[in-house]
Amino acid sequence: MGFNMAQRVGAMALIMVCLYANHCMGHSTPRALVSRAYFNGLMSAVGARCEGKSFYTYDRFIRAAELATSFGTAGSDVLRKREVAAFLANAMHETGGFCYVSEIRKSDYCDSTNTQWPCAPGKRYFGRGPLQLTWNYNYGKAGQALGFDGLNNPDIVSRDPMISFRTAFWFWMNNCHDAIIQDRGFGATIRAINGGECKGRNPTAVNSRISYYRRFCRDFGVDPGHNLSC
């Protein structure tokens, strides 16, 4: 039986919808790369006494990742995998393997010269969350972007798991994403997150990040690329 023009158009539209859906379920989401089982495998190594044990969950991670437009979905398949590997590597290092939510050695991290994002009295902007967000200006900017008062309530980043993950992805997309997509190498993400470790100042920390990165790249079946150090 032949198809008339309307039926042919309808059939083509259905095919396009199916292809698009397949694309979205595959390469267009980090969910295709980081499964619940994989993430839970990472968390199974976290000690029961770690504050991150119940704080960092797969559902929170993947929801925040998918809200971060273009995370793990831009560029070639190689670059997509490298970006997810790079994020997880830095998060694992910053949190001691997803154990810590707040920085151990807490400092004020108040840049009093920044008048656009002034420090609130009595508030400290030490590291919190998967990438250990620091400094008043980062808390202020993240809060403005995500809808919370980062300057007056920085503690929310260590109390609300979704805000915690979303601030990490906010920082990543604004400071690290382009470095990976432009193939500048993993080292550029280290420089963006903690440049104080670079140029031989803290080789132990840098090597820890690189070791995690190589591990995730191996798990994802992708070459880690060049310029791994900073």
N, C-alpha and C. Protein backbone atom coordinates (compact mmCIF):
# COMPACT_ATOMS: atom_id res chain seq x y z
N MET A 1 0.86 -1.19 0.00
CA MET A 1 0.00 0.00 0.00
C MET A 1 0.89 1.23 0.00
N GLY A 2 0.62 2.17 -0.89
CA GLY A 2 1.40 3.39 -0.98
C GLY A 2 0.98 4.40 0.08
N PHE A 3 1.86 5.40 0.29
CA PHE A 3 1.58 6.47 1.23
C PHE A 3 1.31 7.74 0.45
N ASN A 4 0.33 8.51 0.91
CA ASN A 4 0.13 9.82 0.30
C ASN A 4 1.12 10.80 0.92
N MET A 5 1.15 12.03 0.39
CA MET A 5 2.14 13.00 0.81
C MET A 5 2.05 13.30 2.29
N ALA A 6 0.84 13.45 2.82
CA ALA A 6 0.66 13.78 4.24
C ALA A 6 1.21 12.67 5.12
N GLN A 7 0.98 11.40 4.71
CA GLN A 7 1.48 10.28 5.50
C GLN A 7 2.99 10.21 5.47
N ARG A 8 3.58 10.53 4.29
CA ARG A 8 5.03 10.52 4.18
C ARG A 8 5.66 11.58 5.08
N VAL A 9 5.07 12.76 5.07
CA VAL A 9 5.58 13.84 5.91
C VAL A 9 5.48 13.45 7.39
N GLY A 10 4.34 12.85 7.76
CA GLY A 10 4.16 12.42 9.14
C GLY A 10 5.16 11.37 9.55
N ALA A 11 5.42 10.42 8.63
CA ALA A 11 6.38 9.36 8.91
C ALA A 11 7.79 9.92 9.09
N MET A 12 8.16 10.88 8.22
CA MET A 12 9.48 11.49 8.32
C MET A 12 9.62 12.26 9.63
N ALA A 13 8.55 12.94 10.02
CA ALA A 13 8.58 13.70 11.28
C ALA A 13 8.77 12.76 12.46
N LEU A 14 8.10 11.61 12.42
CA LEU A 14 8.23 10.64 13.50
C LEU A 14 9.64 10.10 13.58
N ILE A 15 10.23 9.83 12.42
CA ILE A 15 11.61 9.33 12.38
C ILE A 15 12.56 10.35 12.98
N MET A 16 12.36 11.64 12.63
CA MET A 16 13.23 12.69 13.14
C MET A 16 13.10 12.81 14.66
N VAL A 17 11.88 12.71 15.15
CA VAL A 17 11.66 12.77 16.60
C VAL A 17 12.38 11.62 17.30
N CYS A 18 12.29 10.43 16.72
CA CYS A 18 12.94 9.26 17.31
C CYS A 18 14.46 9.41 17.31
N LEU A 19 15.01 9.92 16.21
CA LEU A 19 16.45 10.12 16.13
C LEU A 19 16.90 11.15 17.14
N TYR A 20 16.12 12.22 17.29
CA TYR A 20 16.47 13.26 18.26
C TYR A 20 16.40 12.72 19.68
N ALA A 21 15.38 11.94 19.96
CA ALA A 21 15.23 11.36 21.29
C ALA A 21 16.39 10.43 21.59
N ASN A 22 16.77 9.65 20.59
CA ASN A 22 17.90 8.74 20.78
C ASN A 22 19.18 9.51 21.05
N HIS A 23 19.34 10.63 20.36
CA HIS A 23 20.51 11.47 20.56
C HIS A 23 20.52 12.03 21.98
N CYS A 24 19.35 12.48 22.44
CA CYS A 24 19.25 13.05 23.78
C CYS A 24 19.50 12.01 24.86
N MET A 25 19.05 10.79 24.60
CA MET A 25 19.24 9.74 25.59
C MET A 25 20.68 9.23 25.59
N GLY A 26 21.42 9.57 24.54
CA GLY A 26 22.78 9.06 24.45
C GLY A 26 23.81 10.14 24.70
N HIS A 27 24.38 10.68 23.63
CA HIS A 27 25.49 11.59 23.75
C HIS A 27 25.12 12.93 24.38
N SER A 28 23.85 13.31 24.41
CA SER A 28 23.50 14.64 24.85
C SER A 28 23.23 14.75 26.34
N THR A 29 23.62 13.77 27.11
CA THR A 29 23.49 13.87 28.56
C THR A 29 24.60 13.08 29.24
N PRO A 30 25.16 13.62 30.32
CA PRO A 30 26.19 12.87 31.05
C PRO A 30 25.66 11.57 31.63
N ARG A 31 24.33 11.44 31.71
CA ARG A 31 23.72 10.23 32.25
C ARG A 31 24.14 8.99 31.46
N ALA A 32 24.39 9.17 30.16
CA ALA A 32 24.80 8.03 29.33
C ALA A 32 26.20 7.56 29.68
N LEU A 33 26.99 8.43 30.27
CA LEU A 33 28.38 8.10 30.62
C LEU A 33 28.51 7.70 32.08
N VAL A 34 27.86 8.46 32.95
CA VAL A 34 27.92 8.18 34.39
C VAL A 34 26.58 7.59 34.82
N SER A 35 26.55 6.29 34.95
CA SER A 35 25.32 5.62 35.36
C SER A 35 25.17 5.67 36.88
N ARG A 36 23.99 5.34 37.34
CA ARG A 36 23.76 5.28 38.78
C ARG A 36 24.70 4.26 39.43
N ALA A 37 24.85 3.13 38.77
CA ALA A 37 25.71 2.09 39.32
C ALA A 37 27.17 2.56 39.41
N TYR A 38 27.62 3.29 38.40
CA TYR A 38 29.00 3.77 38.39
C TYR A 38 29.21 4.77 39.53
N PHE A 39 28.30 5.73 39.63
CA PHE A 39 28.44 6.76 40.67
C PHE A 39 28.35 6.13 42.06
N ASN A 40 27.41 5.22 42.23
CA ASN A 40 27.26 4.56 43.52
C ASN A 40 28.49 3.73 43.87
N GLY A 41 29.16 3.24 42.82
CA GLY A 41 30.41 2.53 43.04
C GLY A 41 31.46 3.44 43.64
N LEU A 42 31.51 4.69 43.16
CA LEU A 42 32.43 5.67 43.73
C LEU A 42 32.09 5.94 45.19
N MET A 43 30.80 6.09 45.46
CA MET A 43 30.36 6.43 46.81
C MET A 43 30.50 5.25 47.78
N SER A 44 30.57 4.05 47.26
CA SER A 44 30.70 2.89 48.14
C SER A 44 32.04 2.89 48.87
N ALA A 45 33.02 3.61 48.32
CA ALA A 45 34.34 3.68 48.94
C ALA A 45 34.41 4.78 50.00
N VAL A 46 33.36 5.59 50.12
CA VAL A 46 33.34 6.70 51.08
C VAL A 46 33.01 6.15 52.46
N GLY A 47 33.80 6.55 53.45
CA GLY A 47 33.60 6.07 54.81
C GLY A 47 32.26 6.48 55.39
N ALA A 48 31.73 5.64 56.25
CA ALA A 48 30.40 5.88 56.84
C ALA A 48 30.37 7.16 57.66
N ARG A 49 31.49 7.57 58.21
CA ARG A 49 31.53 8.78 59.03
C ARG A 49 31.72 10.05 58.22
N CYS A 50 31.94 9.93 56.93
CA CYS A 50 32.14 11.11 56.08
C CYS A 50 30.83 11.88 55.90
N GLU A 51 30.89 13.19 56.03
CA GLU A 51 29.68 14.00 55.85
C GLU A 51 29.16 13.94 54.43
N GLY A 52 30.04 13.61 53.48
CA GLY A 52 29.61 13.53 52.09
C GLY A 52 28.89 12.24 51.72
N LYS A 53 28.90 11.26 52.61
CA LYS A 53 28.37 9.94 52.31
C LYS A 53 26.92 10.00 51.83
N SER A 54 26.08 10.75 52.54
CA SER A 54 24.67 10.88 52.16
C SER A 54 24.38 12.19 51.45
N PHE A 55 25.38 13.07 51.42
CA PHE A 55 25.20 14.40 50.82
C PHE A 55 25.35 14.34 49.30
N TYR A 56 26.38 13.66 48.85
CA TYR A 56 26.65 13.53 47.42
C TYR A 56 25.96 12.28 46.88
N THR A 57 24.84 12.45 46.23
CA THR A 57 24.11 11.30 45.67
C THR A 57 24.04 11.40 44.16
N TYR A 58 23.76 10.28 43.54
CA TYR A 58 23.68 10.24 42.07
C TYR A 58 22.59 11.17 41.54
N ASP A 59 21.41 11.11 42.14
CA ASP A 59 20.30 11.92 41.65
C ASP A 59 20.63 13.40 41.69
N ARG A 60 21.28 13.84 42.75
CA ARG A 60 21.65 15.25 42.86
C ARG A 60 22.73 15.61 41.85
N PHE A 61 23.71 14.73 41.73
CA PHE A 61 24.79 14.97 40.77
C PHE A 61 24.25 15.08 39.35
N ILE A 62 23.46 14.09 38.94
CA ILE A 62 23.04 14.05 37.54
C ILE A 62 22.05 15.15 37.22
N ARG A 63 21.19 15.50 38.18
CA ARG A 63 20.24 16.59 37.94
C ARG A 63 20.99 17.91 37.77
N ALA A 64 21.94 18.16 38.65
CA ALA A 64 22.72 19.40 38.54
C ALA A 64 23.55 19.41 37.26
N ALA A 65 24.09 18.25 36.87
CA ALA A 65 24.88 18.16 35.65
C ALA A 65 24.03 18.47 34.43
N GLU A 66 22.81 17.97 34.42
CA GLU A 66 21.94 18.19 33.26
C GLU A 66 21.37 19.60 33.23
N LEU A 67 21.35 20.27 34.37
CA LEU A 67 20.91 21.68 34.40
C LEU A 67 22.03 22.61 33.92
N ALA A 68 23.26 22.12 33.95
CA ALA A 68 24.41 22.90 33.48
C ALA A 68 24.51 22.73 31.97
N THR A 69 23.89 23.63 31.25
CA THR A 69 23.81 23.53 29.79
C THR A 69 25.18 23.34 29.16
N SER A 70 25.31 22.33 28.35
CA SER A 70 26.53 21.98 27.58
C SER A 70 27.54 21.17 28.36
N PHE A 71 27.31 20.93 29.66
CA PHE A 71 28.27 20.12 30.39
C PHE A 71 28.25 18.68 29.87
N GLY A 72 29.41 18.22 29.45
CA GLY A 72 29.53 16.85 28.97
C GLY A 72 28.76 16.56 27.70
N THR A 73 28.34 17.60 27.00
CA THR A 73 27.55 17.39 25.78
C THR A 73 28.09 18.20 24.60
N ALA A 74 29.10 19.03 24.82
CA ALA A 74 29.63 19.89 23.75
C ALA A 74 30.88 19.28 23.14
N GLY A 75 31.08 19.55 21.86
CA GLY A 75 32.28 19.08 21.18
C GLY A 75 32.21 17.61 20.80
N SER A 76 33.36 17.05 20.52
CA SER A 76 33.44 15.65 20.09
C SER A 76 33.17 14.71 21.25
N ASP A 77 32.98 13.45 20.92
CA ASP A 77 32.76 12.43 21.95
C ASP A 77 33.95 12.36 22.89
N VAL A 78 35.14 12.53 22.35
CA VAL A 78 36.36 12.51 23.17
C VAL A 78 36.34 13.65 24.18
N LEU A 79 36.01 14.85 23.72
CA LEU A 79 36.00 16.01 24.62
C LEU A 79 34.89 15.92 25.65
N ARG A 80 33.76 15.34 25.26
CA ARG A 80 32.66 15.15 26.22
C ARG A 80 33.10 14.25 27.36
N LYS A 81 33.74 13.16 27.01
CA LYS A 81 34.19 12.22 28.04
C LYS A 81 35.28 12.85 28.91
N ARG A 82 36.18 13.59 28.27
CA ARG A 82 37.24 14.24 29.04
C ARG A 82 36.66 15.26 30.02
N GLU A 83 35.61 15.96 29.61
CA GLU A 83 35.05 16.97 30.52
C GLU A 83 34.45 16.32 31.76
N VAL A 84 33.68 15.27 31.58
CA VAL A 84 33.09 14.58 32.73
C VAL A 84 34.20 14.01 33.61
N ALA A 85 35.21 13.43 33.00
CA ALA A 85 36.34 12.89 33.75
C ALA A 85 37.05 13.99 34.53
N ALA A 86 37.22 15.14 33.90
CA ALA A 86 37.93 16.25 34.54
C ALA A 86 37.14 16.80 35.73
N PHE A 87 35.83 16.92 35.58
CA PHE A 87 35.00 17.41 36.69
C PHE A 87 35.08 16.44 37.87
N LEU A 88 34.87 15.17 37.60
CA LEU A 88 34.89 14.18 38.67
C LEU A 88 36.27 14.11 39.34
N ALA A 89 37.32 14.23 38.55
CA ALA A 89 38.68 14.16 39.09
C ALA A 89 38.92 15.31 40.07
N ASN A 90 38.55 16.51 39.67
CA ASN A 90 38.75 17.66 40.55
C ASN A 90 37.85 17.58 41.78
N ALA A 91 36.62 17.11 41.60
CA ALA A 91 35.71 16.98 42.74
C ALA A 91 36.23 15.94 43.73
N MET A 92 36.72 14.83 43.23
CA MET A 92 37.25 13.79 44.10
C MET A 92 38.45 14.31 44.90
N HIS A 93 39.30 15.06 44.24
CA HIS A 93 40.46 15.61 44.95
C HIS A 93 40.02 16.64 45.99
N GLU A 94 39.16 17.55 45.59
CA GLU A 94 38.75 18.64 46.48
C GLU A 94 38.04 18.14 47.72
N THR A 95 37.30 17.05 47.61
CA THR A 95 36.49 16.55 48.72
C THR A 95 37.09 15.33 49.42
N GLY A 96 38.31 14.98 49.07
CA GLY A 96 38.90 13.80 49.68
C GLY A 96 38.14 12.55 49.32
N GLY A 97 37.76 12.43 48.05
CA GLY A 97 37.00 11.26 47.59
C GLY A 97 35.55 11.33 47.99
N PHE A 98 34.95 12.52 47.87
CA PHE A 98 33.54 12.76 48.23
C PHE A 98 33.27 12.53 49.72
N CYS A 99 34.28 12.72 50.53
CA CYS A 99 34.10 12.59 51.98
C CYS A 99 33.68 13.91 52.61
N TYR A 100 34.34 15.00 52.21
CA TYR A 100 34.11 16.28 52.86
C TYR A 100 33.14 17.16 52.08
N VAL A 101 32.35 17.91 52.81
CA VAL A 101 31.46 18.92 52.22
C VAL A 101 32.06 20.31 52.44
N SER A 102 32.61 20.53 53.63
CA SER A 102 33.22 21.81 53.97
C SER A 102 34.73 21.65 54.13
N GLU A 103 35.44 22.71 53.85
CA GLU A 103 36.89 22.73 53.96
C GLU A 103 37.33 22.39 55.39
N ILE A 104 38.40 21.66 55.51
CA ILE A 104 38.89 21.27 56.83
C ILE A 104 39.53 22.46 57.54
N ARG A 105 40.46 23.11 56.87
CA ARG A 105 41.13 24.28 57.43
C ARG A 105 40.41 25.54 56.94
N LYS A 106 39.47 25.97 57.71
CA LYS A 106 38.59 27.06 57.29
C LYS A 106 39.25 28.42 57.46
N SER A 107 39.20 29.23 56.40
CA SER A 107 39.67 30.61 56.43
C SER A 107 38.53 31.51 55.97
N ASP A 108 38.73 32.81 56.13
CA ASP A 108 37.65 33.75 55.79
C ASP A 108 37.43 33.87 54.28
N TYR A 109 38.52 33.85 53.50
CA TYR A 109 38.45 34.04 52.05
C TYR A 109 37.61 35.25 51.69
N CYS A 110 37.93 36.36 52.35
CA CYS A 110 37.22 37.61 52.10
C CYS A 110 38.14 38.58 51.37
N ASP A 111 37.77 38.92 50.15
CA ASP A 111 38.50 39.93 49.39
C ASP A 111 37.83 41.27 49.66
N SER A 112 38.39 42.02 50.61
CA SER A 112 37.78 43.28 51.04
C SER A 112 37.86 44.36 49.97
N THR A 113 38.68 44.13 48.95
CA THR A 113 38.80 45.13 47.88
C THR A 113 37.68 45.00 46.86
N ASN A 114 36.93 43.91 46.93
CA ASN A 114 35.85 43.69 45.97
C ASN A 114 34.57 44.34 46.50
N THR A 115 34.29 45.51 45.98
CA THR A 115 33.13 46.27 46.46
C THR A 115 31.83 45.83 45.80
N GLN A 116 31.92 45.14 44.69
CA GLN A 116 30.70 44.66 44.03
C GLN A 116 30.08 43.51 44.82
N TRP A 117 30.94 42.69 45.42
CA TRP A 117 30.47 41.55 46.20
C TRP A 117 31.10 41.64 47.59
N PRO A 118 30.66 42.60 48.40
CA PRO A 118 31.28 42.82 49.71
C PRO A 118 30.98 41.70 50.70
N CYS A 119 31.97 41.40 51.53
CA CYS A 119 31.81 40.37 52.54
C CYS A 119 30.77 40.82 53.58
N ALA A 120 29.91 39.90 53.95
CA ALA A 120 28.91 40.20 54.97
C ALA A 120 29.55 40.02 56.35
N PRO A 121 29.18 40.86 57.31
CA PRO A 121 29.77 40.75 58.66
C PRO A 121 29.58 39.35 59.26
N GLY A 122 30.66 38.79 59.75
CA GLY A 122 30.60 37.51 60.42
C GLY A 122 30.53 36.30 59.52
N LYS A 123 30.55 36.50 58.21
CA LYS A 123 30.45 35.38 57.27
C LYS A 123 31.82 35.01 56.73
N ARG A 124 32.01 33.72 56.54
CA ARG A 124 33.27 33.23 55.99
C ARG A 124 33.01 32.44 54.70
N TYR A 125 33.88 32.64 53.75
CA TYR A 125 33.66 32.10 52.41
C TYR A 125 34.68 31.01 52.08
N PHE A 126 34.84 30.09 53.04
CA PHE A 126 35.76 28.96 52.85
C PHE A 126 35.13 27.94 51.91
N GLY A 127 35.93 26.94 51.55
CA GLY A 127 35.49 25.96 50.56
C GLY A 127 34.31 25.11 51.01
N ARG A 128 33.34 25.03 50.12
CA ARG A 128 32.16 24.20 50.36
C ARG A 128 31.76 23.53 49.05
N GLY A 129 31.22 22.31 49.17
CA GLY A 129 30.68 21.63 48.00
C GLY A 129 31.70 20.85 47.21
N PRO A 130 31.26 20.24 46.10
CA PRO A 130 32.11 19.34 45.30
C PRO A 130 33.40 19.97 44.79
N LEU A 131 33.37 21.25 44.47
CA LEU A 131 34.60 21.91 44.01
C LEU A 131 35.12 22.91 45.04
N GLN A 132 34.57 22.85 46.27
CA GLN A 132 35.03 23.70 47.36
C GLN A 132 35.04 25.18 46.96
N LEU A 133 33.87 25.69 46.66
CA LEU A 133 33.72 27.09 46.27
C LEU A 133 34.28 28.01 47.35
N THR A 134 35.12 28.96 46.96
CA THR A 134 35.71 29.89 47.91
C THR A 134 35.58 31.33 47.40
N TRP A 135 35.83 32.28 48.31
CA TRP A 135 35.85 33.72 48.08
C TRP A 135 34.45 34.33 47.96
N ASN A 136 34.34 35.48 48.55
CA ASN A 136 33.07 36.22 48.59
C ASN A 136 32.51 36.49 47.20
N TYR A 137 33.36 36.85 46.26
CA TYR A 137 32.87 37.19 44.93
C TYR A 137 32.30 35.97 44.21
N ASN A 138 32.86 34.79 44.47
CA ASN A 138 32.29 33.59 43.87
C ASN A 138 30.95 33.23 44.50
N TYR A 139 30.85 33.37 45.80
CA TYR A 139 29.57 33.10 46.46
C TYR A 139 28.51 34.09 45.99
N GLY A 140 28.91 35.36 45.84
CA GLY A 140 27.96 36.37 45.38
C GLY A 140 27.48 36.10 43.96
N LYS A 141 28.40 35.81 43.08
CA LYS A 141 28.05 35.55 41.68
C LYS A 141 27.22 34.28 41.53
N ALA A 142 27.62 33.23 42.24
CA ALA A 142 26.89 31.97 42.17
C ALA A 142 25.46 32.15 42.68
N GLY A 143 25.33 32.88 43.78
CA GLY A 143 24.01 33.14 44.33
C GLY A 143 23.12 33.90 43.39
N GLN A 144 23.71 34.90 42.73
CA GLN A 144 22.93 35.68 41.76
C GLN A 144 22.49 34.80 40.60
N ALA A 145 23.36 33.94 40.14
CA ALA A 145 23.04 33.08 38.99
C ALA A 145 22.02 32.00 39.33
N LEU A 146 22.07 31.50 40.57
CA LEU A 146 21.26 30.33 40.93
C LEU A 146 20.08 30.67 41.85
N GLY A 147 20.01 31.92 42.31
CA GLY A 147 18.85 32.32 43.10
C GLY A 147 18.96 32.10 44.59
N PHE A 148 20.13 32.33 45.17
CA PHE A 148 20.25 32.30 46.63
C PHE A 148 21.20 33.42 47.06
N ASP A 149 21.16 33.77 48.33
CA ASP A 149 21.98 34.87 48.85
C ASP A 149 23.32 34.31 49.30
N GLY A 150 24.26 34.26 48.37
CA GLY A 150 25.55 33.67 48.66
C GLY A 150 26.40 34.48 49.62
N LEU A 151 26.22 35.79 49.63
CA LEU A 151 27.04 36.63 50.51
C LEU A 151 26.58 36.54 51.95
N ASN A 152 25.28 36.59 52.18
CA ASN A 152 24.74 36.57 53.54
C ASN A 152 24.47 35.16 54.06
N ASN A 153 24.43 34.19 53.16
CA ASN A 153 24.14 32.82 53.58
C ASN A 153 25.04 31.83 52.84
N PRO A 154 26.36 31.95 53.01
CA PRO A 154 27.25 31.01 52.31
C PRO A 154 27.09 29.58 52.81
N ASP A 155 26.61 29.41 54.04
CA ASP A 155 26.48 28.07 54.61
C ASP A 155 25.48 27.19 53.86
N ILE A 156 24.60 27.83 53.08
CA ILE A 156 23.61 27.04 52.34
C ILE A 156 24.29 26.08 51.35
N VAL A 157 25.50 26.44 50.92
CA VAL A 157 26.22 25.59 49.97
C VAL A 157 26.67 24.29 50.63
N SER A 158 26.79 24.29 51.94
CA SER A 158 27.14 23.06 52.65
C SER A 158 25.94 22.41 53.32
N ARG A 159 24.78 23.06 53.23
CA ARG A 159 23.57 22.49 53.84
C ARG A 159 22.59 21.93 52.82
N ASP A 160 22.50 22.57 51.67
CA ASP A 160 21.56 22.16 50.63
C ASP A 160 22.32 21.42 49.53
N PRO A 161 22.16 20.11 49.41
CA PRO A 161 22.95 19.33 48.45
C PRO A 161 22.77 19.78 47.00
N MET A 162 21.56 20.14 46.61
CA MET A 162 21.36 20.56 45.22
C MET A 162 22.05 21.89 44.94
N ILE A 163 21.92 22.83 45.85
CA ILE A 163 22.63 24.11 45.68
C ILE A 163 24.13 23.86 45.66
N SER A 164 24.58 22.93 46.49
CA SER A 164 26.00 22.61 46.54
C SER A 164 26.51 22.12 45.19
N PHE A 165 25.80 21.14 44.62
CA PHE A 165 26.19 20.63 43.30
C PHE A 165 26.05 21.70 42.23
N ARG A 166 24.98 22.50 42.31
CA ARG A 166 24.77 23.50 41.26
C ARG A 166 25.82 24.60 41.31
N THR A 167 26.30 24.96 42.50
CA THR A 167 27.37 25.95 42.56
C THR A 167 28.65 25.39 41.96
N ALA A 168 28.89 24.08 42.16
CA ALA A 168 30.08 23.47 41.58
C ALA A 168 30.01 23.51 40.06
N PHE A 169 28.86 23.19 39.52
CA PHE A 169 28.72 23.23 38.06
C PHE A 169 28.71 24.66 37.54
N TRP A 170 28.16 25.59 38.34
CA TRP A 170 28.22 27.01 37.94
C TRP A 170 29.68 27.43 37.80
N PHE A 171 30.50 27.11 38.80
CA PHE A 171 31.92 27.48 38.73
C PHE A 171 32.59 26.80 37.55
N TRP A 172 32.29 25.52 37.37
CA TRP A 172 32.92 24.77 36.29
C TRP A 172 32.60 25.38 34.93
N MET A 173 31.33 25.66 34.68
CA MET A 173 30.93 26.16 33.37
C MET A 173 31.49 27.54 33.08
N ASN A 174 31.75 28.30 34.12
CA ASN A 174 32.28 29.65 33.94
C ASN A 174 33.80 29.72 33.94
N ASN A 175 34.46 28.67 34.42
CA ASN A 175 35.91 28.75 34.55
C ASN A 175 36.69 27.58 33.95
N CYS A 176 36.03 26.44 33.73
CA CYS A 176 36.75 25.25 33.28
C CYS A 176 36.24 24.65 31.97
N HIS A 177 34.98 24.81 31.71
CA HIS A 177 34.34 24.18 30.55
C HIS A 177 35.07 24.49 29.25
N ASP A 178 35.32 25.76 28.99
CA ASP A 178 35.95 26.16 27.73
C ASP A 178 37.35 25.57 27.58
N ALA A 179 38.06 25.44 28.70
CA ALA A 179 39.41 24.90 28.64
C ALA A 179 39.41 23.48 28.09
N ILE A 180 38.42 22.69 28.49
CA ILE A 180 38.32 21.32 27.99
C ILE A 180 37.83 21.30 26.55
N ILE A 181 36.78 22.05 26.27
CA ILE A 181 36.19 22.05 24.93
C ILE A 181 37.15 22.61 23.89
N GLN A 182 38.00 23.55 24.30
CA GLN A 182 39.00 24.10 23.39
C GLN A 182 40.29 23.28 23.40
N ASP A 183 40.25 22.13 24.08
CA ASP A 183 41.36 21.17 24.10
C ASP A 183 42.65 21.79 24.64
N ARG A 184 42.52 22.61 25.71
CA ARG A 184 43.70 23.19 26.34
C ARG A 184 44.30 22.25 27.37
N GLY A 185 43.60 21.18 27.68
CA GLY A 185 44.14 20.17 28.57
C GLY A 185 43.64 20.26 30.00
N PHE A 186 43.77 19.15 30.71
CA PHE A 186 43.30 19.05 32.09
C PHE A 186 43.98 20.05 33.00
N GLY A 187 45.26 20.34 32.72
CA GLY A 187 46.01 21.27 33.56
C GLY A 187 45.35 22.63 33.69
N ALA A 188 44.65 23.05 32.64
CA ALA A 188 43.98 24.34 32.68
C ALA A 188 42.85 24.36 33.71
N THR A 189 42.23 23.21 33.96
CA THR A 189 41.17 23.16 34.97
C THR A 189 41.77 23.24 36.37
N ILE A 190 42.94 22.66 36.57
CA ILE A 190 43.62 22.77 37.86
C ILE A 190 43.95 24.24 38.13
N ARG A 191 44.46 24.90 37.11
CA ARG A 191 44.84 26.31 37.23
C ARG A 191 43.64 27.17 37.60
N ALA A 192 42.48 26.84 37.03
CA ALA A 192 41.27 27.63 37.29
C ALA A 192 40.74 27.39 38.70
N ILE A 193 40.85 26.16 39.18
CA ILE A 193 40.29 25.82 40.49
C ILE A 193 41.23 26.18 41.63
N ASN A 194 42.51 25.89 41.46
CA ASN A 194 43.48 26.23 42.50
C ASN A 194 44.84 26.45 41.87
N GLY A 195 45.01 27.62 41.29
CA GLY A 195 46.27 27.95 40.62
C GLY A 195 47.46 27.97 41.56
N GLY A 196 47.19 28.06 42.87
CA GLY A 196 48.27 28.07 43.84
C GLY A 196 49.04 26.77 43.90
N GLU A 197 48.47 25.71 43.35
CA GLU A 197 49.15 24.42 43.33
C GLU A 197 50.14 24.33 42.16
N CYS A 198 49.97 25.19 41.18
CA CYS A 198 50.72 25.07 39.92
C CYS A 198 52.16 25.58 40.01
N LYS A 199 52.90 25.34 38.93
CA LYS A 199 54.29 25.77 38.79
C LYS A 199 55.18 25.21 39.91
N GLY A 200 54.89 23.96 40.29
CA GLY A 200 55.73 23.29 41.27
C GLY A 200 55.46 23.64 42.71
N ARG A 201 54.44 24.44 42.98
CA ARG A 201 54.18 24.87 44.36
C ARG A 201 53.55 23.76 45.21
N ASN A 202 52.77 22.88 44.58
CA ASN A 202 52.19 21.76 45.33
C ASN A 202 52.04 20.57 44.38
N PRO A 203 53.15 19.94 44.04
CA PRO A 203 53.11 18.83 43.08
C PRO A 203 52.29 17.64 43.57
N THR A 204 52.23 17.44 44.89
CA THR A 204 51.45 16.32 45.43
C THR A 204 49.98 16.47 45.09
N ALA A 205 49.46 17.69 45.28
CA ALA A 205 48.04 17.95 44.98
C ALA A 205 47.77 17.83 43.49
N VAL A 206 48.67 18.39 42.68
CA VAL A 206 48.50 18.34 41.23
C VAL A 206 48.51 16.89 40.75
N ASN A 207 49.44 16.10 41.26
CA ASN A 207 49.53 14.70 40.86
C ASN A 207 48.31 13.91 41.31
N SER A 208 47.73 14.29 42.44
CA SER A 208 46.50 13.64 42.90
C SER A 208 45.37 13.87 41.91
N ARG A 209 45.22 15.10 41.47
CA ARG A 209 44.18 15.43 40.48
C ARG A 209 44.41 14.67 39.18
N ILE A 210 45.65 14.65 38.73
CA ILE A 210 45.97 13.97 37.48
C ILE A 210 45.70 12.47 37.60
N SER A 211 46.03 11.90 38.74
CA SER A 211 45.79 10.47 38.95
C SER A 211 44.30 10.15 38.87
N TYR A 212 43.47 10.97 39.49
CA TYR A 212 42.02 10.78 39.40
C TYR A 212 41.55 10.93 37.95
N TYR A 213 42.10 11.93 37.27
CA TYR A 213 41.69 12.18 35.89
C TYR A 213 42.03 11.00 34.98
N ARG A 214 43.23 10.49 35.12
CA ARG A 214 43.63 9.32 34.33
C ARG A 214 42.72 8.13 34.62
N ARG A 215 42.36 7.97 35.87
CA ARG A 215 41.47 6.88 36.26
C ARG A 215 40.12 6.99 35.57
N PHE A 216 39.53 8.19 35.61
CA PHE A 216 38.21 8.36 35.00
C PHE A 216 38.29 8.25 33.47
N CYS A 217 39.34 8.78 32.89
CA CYS A 217 39.51 8.64 31.44
C CYS A 217 39.61 7.16 31.06
N ARG A 218 40.33 6.42 31.84
CA ARG A 218 40.46 4.97 31.59
C ARG A 218 39.09 4.30 31.70
N ASP A 219 38.34 4.66 32.73
CA ASP A 219 37.00 4.08 32.91
C ASP A 219 36.07 4.42 31.75
N PHE A 220 36.22 5.63 31.21
CA PHE A 220 35.34 6.09 30.13
C PHE A 220 35.87 5.73 28.75
N GLY A 221 37.03 5.08 28.70
CA GLY A 221 37.57 4.64 27.42
C GLY A 221 38.03 5.76 26.53
N VAL A 222 38.71 6.77 27.13
CA VAL A 222 39.17 7.91 26.33
C VAL A 222 40.60 8.26 26.72
N ASP A 223 41.38 8.66 25.74
CA ASP A 223 42.74 9.11 26.01
C ASP A 223 42.68 10.42 26.78
N PRO A 224 43.52 10.60 27.82
CA PRO A 224 43.45 11.83 28.62
C PRO A 224 43.93 13.08 27.91
N GLY A 225 44.62 12.92 26.79
CA GLY A 225 45.07 14.09 26.04
C GLY A 225 46.39 14.65 26.55
N HIS A 226 46.62 15.92 26.24
CA HIS A 226 47.91 16.55 26.55
C HIS A 226 47.73 17.61 27.64
N ASN A 227 48.85 18.22 28.05
CA ASN A 227 48.84 19.31 29.04
C ASN A 227 48.05 18.92 30.29
N LEU A 228 48.41 17.80 30.89
CA LEU A 228 47.69 17.35 32.08
C LEU A 228 48.07 18.13 33.32
N SER A 229 49.29 18.63 33.37
CA SER A 229 49.76 19.35 34.55
C SER A 229 49.68 20.86 34.33
N CYS A 230 49.99 21.58 35.39
CA CYS A 230 49.96 23.05 35.27
C CYS A 230 51.24 23.64 35.84
